[in-house]
Protein backbone atom coordinates (compact mmCIF):
# COMPACT_ATOMS: atom_id res chain seq x y z
CA UNK A 1 -28.18 -56.02 31.40
CA UNK A 2 -30.38 -53.93 29.23
CA UNK A 3 -34.04 -53.94 30.03
CA UNK A 4 -36.51 -54.46 27.28
CA UNK A 5 -38.85 -51.54 26.84
CA UNK A 6 -42.49 -52.41 27.62
CA UNK A 7 -45.22 -51.50 25.20
CA UNK A 8 -47.83 -49.29 26.80
CA UNK A 9 -51.25 -50.72 27.60
CA UNK A 10 -53.64 -48.86 25.31
CA UNK A 11 -57.36 -48.59 24.80
CA UNK A 12 -57.11 -51.08 21.94
CA UNK A 13 -55.79 -53.69 24.36
CA UNK A 14 -58.64 -53.06 26.79
CA UNK A 15 -61.22 -53.18 23.98
CA UNK A 16 -59.83 -56.55 22.80
CA UNK A 17 -60.00 -57.95 26.35
CA UNK A 18 -63.62 -56.77 26.77
CA UNK A 19 -64.73 -58.13 23.38
CA UNK A 20 -63.05 -61.50 24.01
CA UNK A 21 -64.45 -61.77 27.55
CA UNK A 22 -68.01 -60.88 26.60
CA UNK A 23 -67.73 -63.14 23.53
CA UNK A 24 -66.90 -66.13 25.73
CA UNK A 25 -69.73 -65.32 28.15
CA UNK A 26 -72.25 -64.91 25.30
CA UNK A 27 -71.17 -68.18 23.63
CA UNK A 28 -71.57 -70.09 26.89
CA UNK A 29 -74.98 -68.47 27.57
CA UNK A 30 -76.32 -69.24 24.09
CA UNK A 31 -75.08 -72.83 24.31
CA UNK A 32 -76.64 -73.38 27.76
CA UNK A 33 -79.93 -71.74 26.72
CA UNK A 34 -80.20 -73.92 23.61
CA UNK A 35 -79.53 -77.06 25.68
CA UNK A 36 -82.16 -76.04 28.25
CA UNK A 37 -84.84 -75.29 25.67
CA UNK A 38 -84.24 -78.45 23.64
CA UNK A 39 -84.30 -80.68 26.73
CA UNK A 40 -87.48 -79.40 28.40
CA UNK A 41 -90.76 -80.26 26.71
CA UNK A 42 -93.08 -78.83 29.30
CA UNK A 43 -96.81 -78.83 28.84
CA UNK A 44 -97.92 -77.46 25.51
CA UNK A 45 -101.42 -76.18 24.93
CA UNK A 46 -102.82 -74.72 21.76
CA UNK A 47 -104.39 -71.74 23.48
CA UNK A 48 -103.21 -70.75 26.94
CA UNK A 49 -106.29 -68.57 27.54
CA UNK A 50 -108.67 -71.49 26.97
CA UNK A 51 -106.46 -73.74 29.10
CA UNK A 52 -106.66 -71.20 31.91
CA UNK A 53 -110.46 -71.29 31.71
CA UNK A 54 -110.37 -75.07 32.31
CA UNK A 55 -107.95 -74.87 35.21
CA UNK A 56 -110.63 -74.88 37.95
CA UNK A 57 -112.32 -77.88 36.31
CA UNK A 58 -108.96 -79.71 36.38
CA UNK A 59 -108.60 -78.91 40.07
CA UNK A 60 -112.13 -80.19 40.76
CA UNK A 61 -111.35 -83.45 38.92
CA UNK A 62 -108.12 -83.83 40.91
CA UNK A 63 -110.02 -83.31 44.19
CA UNK A 64 -112.67 -85.86 43.14
CA UNK A 65 -109.90 -88.29 42.23
CA UNK A 66 -108.25 -87.90 45.63
CA UNK A 67 -111.60 -88.29 47.40
CA UNK A 68 -111.94 -91.82 45.97
CA UNK A 69 -109.12 -92.94 48.26
CA UNK A 70 -107.58 -95.15 45.59
CA UNK A 71 -103.83 -95.68 45.76
CA UNK A 72 -101.33 -97.26 43.41
CA UNK A 73 -97.79 -98.47 44.01
CA UNK A 74 -95.76 -98.70 40.79
CA UNK A 75 -92.71 -100.91 40.19
CA UNK A 76 -90.78 -102.19 37.19
CA UNK A 77 -89.55 -105.78 37.10
CA UNK A 78 -86.35 -107.24 35.61
CA UNK A 79 -88.03 -107.74 32.22
CA UNK A 80 -88.99 -103.99 32.16
CA UNK A 81 -92.72 -104.65 32.62
CA UNK A 82 -94.58 -102.16 34.82
CA UNK A 83 -96.48 -103.61 37.77
CA UNK A 84 -99.16 -101.65 39.62
CA UNK A 85 -100.40 -102.71 43.04
CA UNK A 86 -103.67 -100.89 43.62
CA UNK A 87 -105.53 -100.55 46.90
CA UNK A 88 -109.14 -99.52 47.35
CA UNK A 89 -109.78 -100.04 43.63
CA UNK A 90 -112.85 -102.03 42.49
CA UNK A 91 -112.22 -105.39 40.82
CA UNK A 92 -113.69 -104.08 37.56
CA UNK A 93 -110.99 -101.39 37.25
CA UNK A 94 -109.33 -100.69 33.89
CA UNK A 95 -105.78 -99.29 34.02
CA UNK A 96 -103.95 -97.38 31.31
CA UNK A 97 -100.90 -95.18 31.36
CA UNK A 98 -99.16 -92.57 29.26
CA UNK A 99 -95.39 -92.31 29.47
CA UNK A 100 -93.07 -89.54 28.34
CA UNK A 101 -89.40 -88.86 28.70
CA UNK A 102 -88.93 -85.96 31.15
CA UNK A 103 -85.72 -84.73 29.51
CA UNK A 104 -83.77 -85.29 26.33
CA UNK A 105 -85.39 -86.61 23.20
CA UNK A 106 -89.17 -86.53 22.92
CA UNK A 107 -90.40 -90.05 23.32
CA UNK A 108 -93.87 -91.19 24.31
CA UNK A 109 -95.48 -94.56 25.03
CA UNK A 110 -98.91 -95.85 26.02
CA UNK A 111 -99.55 -98.83 28.26
CA UNK A 112 -102.49 -101.06 28.98
CA UNK A 113 -102.56 -103.34 32.00
CA UNK A 114 -103.77 -106.86 32.55
CA UNK A 115 -105.14 -107.92 35.96
CA UNK A 116 -103.05 -110.45 37.89
CA UNK A 117 -105.43 -110.75 40.85
CA UNK A 118 -105.38 -109.33 44.38
CA UNK A 119 -105.19 -105.74 43.14
CA UNK A 120 -102.08 -106.32 41.00
CA UNK A 121 -101.84 -105.33 37.35
CA UNK A 122 -99.01 -105.85 34.83
CA UNK A 123 -98.38 -103.89 31.65
CA UNK A 124 -99.04 -105.82 28.44
CA UNK A 125 -95.72 -104.61 27.00
CA UNK A 126 -92.29 -103.91 28.46
CA UNK A 127 -91.05 -100.32 28.71
CA UNK A 128 -87.75 -99.18 27.25
CA UNK A 129 -85.04 -98.63 29.82
CA UNK A 130 -84.28 -95.17 31.13
CA UNK A 131 -86.09 -92.37 32.82
CA UNK A 132 -89.85 -91.96 32.28
CA UNK A 133 -92.67 -89.89 33.72
CA UNK A 134 -95.86 -91.93 33.94
CA UNK A 135 -99.44 -90.72 34.16
CA UNK A 136 -101.57 -93.60 35.43
CA UNK A 137 -105.32 -93.68 34.81
CA UNK A 138 -107.76 -95.96 36.64
CA UNK A 139 -111.42 -96.13 35.64
CA UNK A 140 -114.05 -98.18 37.45
CA UNK A 141 -117.80 -97.91 38.01
CA UNK A 142 -117.97 -94.60 36.11
CA UNK A 143 -115.29 -93.01 38.31
CA UNK A 144 -111.87 -91.84 37.20
CA UNK A 145 -108.57 -91.55 39.05
CA UNK A 146 -105.24 -90.23 37.75
CA UNK A 147 -101.78 -89.69 39.16
CA UNK A 148 -98.47 -88.68 37.66
CA UNK A 149 -95.15 -89.88 39.01
CA UNK A 150 -91.64 -90.87 38.06
CA UNK A 151 -91.51 -94.46 36.81
CA UNK A 152 -89.08 -96.41 39.00
CA UNK A 153 -86.02 -97.73 37.21
């Protein structure tokens, strides 16, 4: 049985393996980076320097909001309406909310709420199914309260 002569492994072979390997790694990295950037909307400000100057004011407003002691429990019913059960909130409270999709396509919605009595409020419109981040605003007697949370499914 005659053995077949093997071709020697040359520098060209090694170069082809390196180029192919790094090519695959680069393609995967570019694909993953493009998916990550297109799916995360983050917080966009026109001028980051000016936003940084307001940061302490935002912290002061958040502390004042917490000091009110108001609390809100958020649910979504079968018809996709958002229900807020508020505690410690004056009867004259006005509730609004801003919704945004946390990932994927950029989609936003605004909600207003109608009082149902006993500290319960229901959105005037249903919310599309899926994942949402909701920023709830409560205003009463010249005081403001805000909280951001995941909207329950």
